[in-house]
Amino acid sequence: MWLAIAMTVLAATGNSVGKVLQKQAAGRLPRLVLRREVVGQFLGSRLYMLGMACDLVGALLMVAAFAHAPVSVVQPVSAVGLVILLVFSHFYLAERLRAAEWLAAAI
């Protein structure tokens, strides 16, 4: 059970870090439209692809966690990813959070 909880926390962290890296990379890339040259720029961005890789590893860890524990345990623990995303976005992307947002994360 504890292994599944640890995998879930790592999975949520991977998903959150991946999203932040993708957002940072997307800020440097053109607006995403389904044109070959634009999609190619996203796929050629090392930062964007690193974010995709973190997200994929997180997803694989989540599948492994579900194999070791019931959904009623894994799913609530995965909510920690939202808090990780909030904190990581604040410090890494320098996004400013209001007191209500910090309070929501603490709750």
Protein backbone atom coordinates (compact mmCIF):
# COMPACT_ATOMS: atom_id res chain seq x y z
CA MET A 1 0.00 0.00 0.00
CA TRP A 2 2.76 2.46 0.92
CA LEU A 3 4.54 1.71 -2.34
CA ALA A 4 1.40 2.68 -4.24
CA ILE A 5 1.11 5.91 -2.26
CA ALA A 6 4.74 6.78 -3.00
CA MET A 7 4.23 6.00 -6.69
CA THR A 8 1.13 8.20 -6.71
CA VAL A 9 2.99 11.14 -5.20
CA LEU A 10 5.81 10.69 -7.72
CA ALA A 11 3.28 10.39 -10.54
CA ALA A 12 1.50 13.58 -9.48
CA THR A 13 4.86 15.34 -9.24
CA GLY A 14 5.85 14.18 -12.72
CA ASN A 15 2.54 15.36 -14.15
CA SER A 16 2.82 18.74 -12.46
CA VAL A 17 6.45 19.35 -13.42
CA GLY A 18 5.63 18.29 -16.97
CA LYS A 19 2.77 20.79 -17.22
CA VAL A 20 4.94 23.64 -15.94
CA LEU A 21 7.74 22.83 -18.38
CA GLN A 22 5.25 22.65 -21.25
CA LYS A 23 3.79 26.00 -20.28
CA GLN A 24 7.21 27.60 -20.11
CA ALA A 25 8.15 26.19 -23.52
CA ALA A 26 4.81 27.19 -25.05
CA GLY A 27 5.45 30.78 -23.97
CA ARG A 28 8.49 30.82 -26.25
CA LEU A 29 6.77 29.12 -29.17
CA PRO A 30 4.16 30.37 -31.62
CA ARG A 31 0.48 29.86 -30.86
CA LEU A 32 -0.33 26.19 -31.39
CA VAL A 33 -2.24 25.59 -34.60
CA LEU A 34 -2.43 22.37 -36.56
CA ARG A 35 0.07 23.32 -39.21
CA ARG A 36 3.09 21.16 -39.90
CA GLU A 37 5.69 23.87 -39.23
CA VAL A 38 4.13 24.95 -35.92
CA VAL A 39 3.68 21.39 -34.65
CA GLY A 40 7.26 20.73 -35.74
CA GLN A 41 8.48 23.64 -33.60
CA PHE A 42 6.72 22.18 -30.56
CA LEU A 43 8.11 18.71 -31.22
CA GLY A 44 11.57 20.21 -31.77
CA SER A 45 11.53 22.10 -28.48
CA ARG A 46 13.68 20.26 -25.94
CA LEU A 47 11.91 21.94 -23.03
CA TYR A 48 8.46 21.06 -24.35
CA MET A 49 9.50 17.46 -25.00
CA LEU A 50 11.05 17.22 -21.52
CA GLY A 51 7.69 18.32 -20.14
CA MET A 52 5.97 15.66 -22.25
CA ALA A 53 8.41 13.04 -20.95
CA CYS A 54 7.77 14.04 -17.31
CA ASP A 55 4.05 13.86 -17.96
CA LEU A 56 4.37 10.43 -19.56
CA VAL A 57 6.49 9.06 -16.71
CA GLY A 58 3.89 10.40 -14.29
CA ALA A 59 1.12 8.65 -16.20
CA LEU A 60 3.02 5.35 -16.19
CA LEU A 61 3.65 5.64 -12.46
CA MET A 62 -0.05 6.32 -11.92
CA VAL A 63 -0.96 3.14 -13.81
CA ALA A 64 1.51 1.21 -11.65
CA ALA A 65 0.02 2.75 -8.50
CA PHE A 66 -3.48 1.65 -9.55
CA ALA A 67 -2.11 -1.88 -9.97
CA HIS A 68 -0.96 -1.90 -6.33
CA ALA A 69 -3.79 -0.15 -4.50
CA PRO A 70 -7.50 0.54 -4.89
CA VAL A 71 -8.80 3.63 -6.65
CA SER A 72 -10.20 4.84 -3.32
CA VAL A 73 -6.61 5.25 -2.10
CA VAL A 74 -4.75 6.33 -5.23
CA GLN A 75 -7.15 8.98 -6.51
CA PRO A 76 -7.32 11.10 -3.33
CA VAL A 77 -3.54 10.93 -2.91
CA SER A 78 -3.09 12.11 -6.51
CA ALA A 79 -4.74 15.40 -5.54
CA VAL A 80 -1.40 16.38 -3.99
CA GLY A 81 -0.35 17.06 -7.59
CA LEU A 82 -2.46 20.22 -7.60
CA VAL A 83 -0.57 21.56 -4.61
CA ILE A 84 2.75 20.60 -6.19
CA LEU A 85 1.68 22.35 -9.40
CA LEU A 86 0.71 25.48 -7.49
CA VAL A 87 4.00 25.67 -5.57
CA PHE A 88 6.16 24.79 -8.56
CA SER A 89 4.38 27.37 -10.74
CA HIS A 90 4.89 30.00 -8.06
CA PHE A 91 8.62 29.44 -7.70
CA TYR A 92 9.63 28.25 -11.18
CA LEU A 93 7.35 30.36 -13.39
CA ALA A 94 7.21 33.26 -10.89
CA GLU A 95 3.41 33.26 -11.00
CA ARG A 96 1.94 35.34 -8.20
CA LEU A 97 -0.70 33.73 -6.03
CA ARG A 98 -3.28 35.46 -3.91
CA ALA A 99 -3.84 34.60 -0.27
CA ALA A 100 -7.06 32.75 -1.14
CA GLU A 101 -5.16 30.49 -3.54
CA TRP A 102 -2.56 29.65 -0.89
CA LEU A 103 -5.37 28.97 1.57
CA ALA A 104 -7.09 26.66 -0.91
CA ALA A 105 -3.84 24.74 -1.39
CA ALA A 106 -3.35 24.40 2.36
CA ILE A 107 -6.87 23.05 2.83
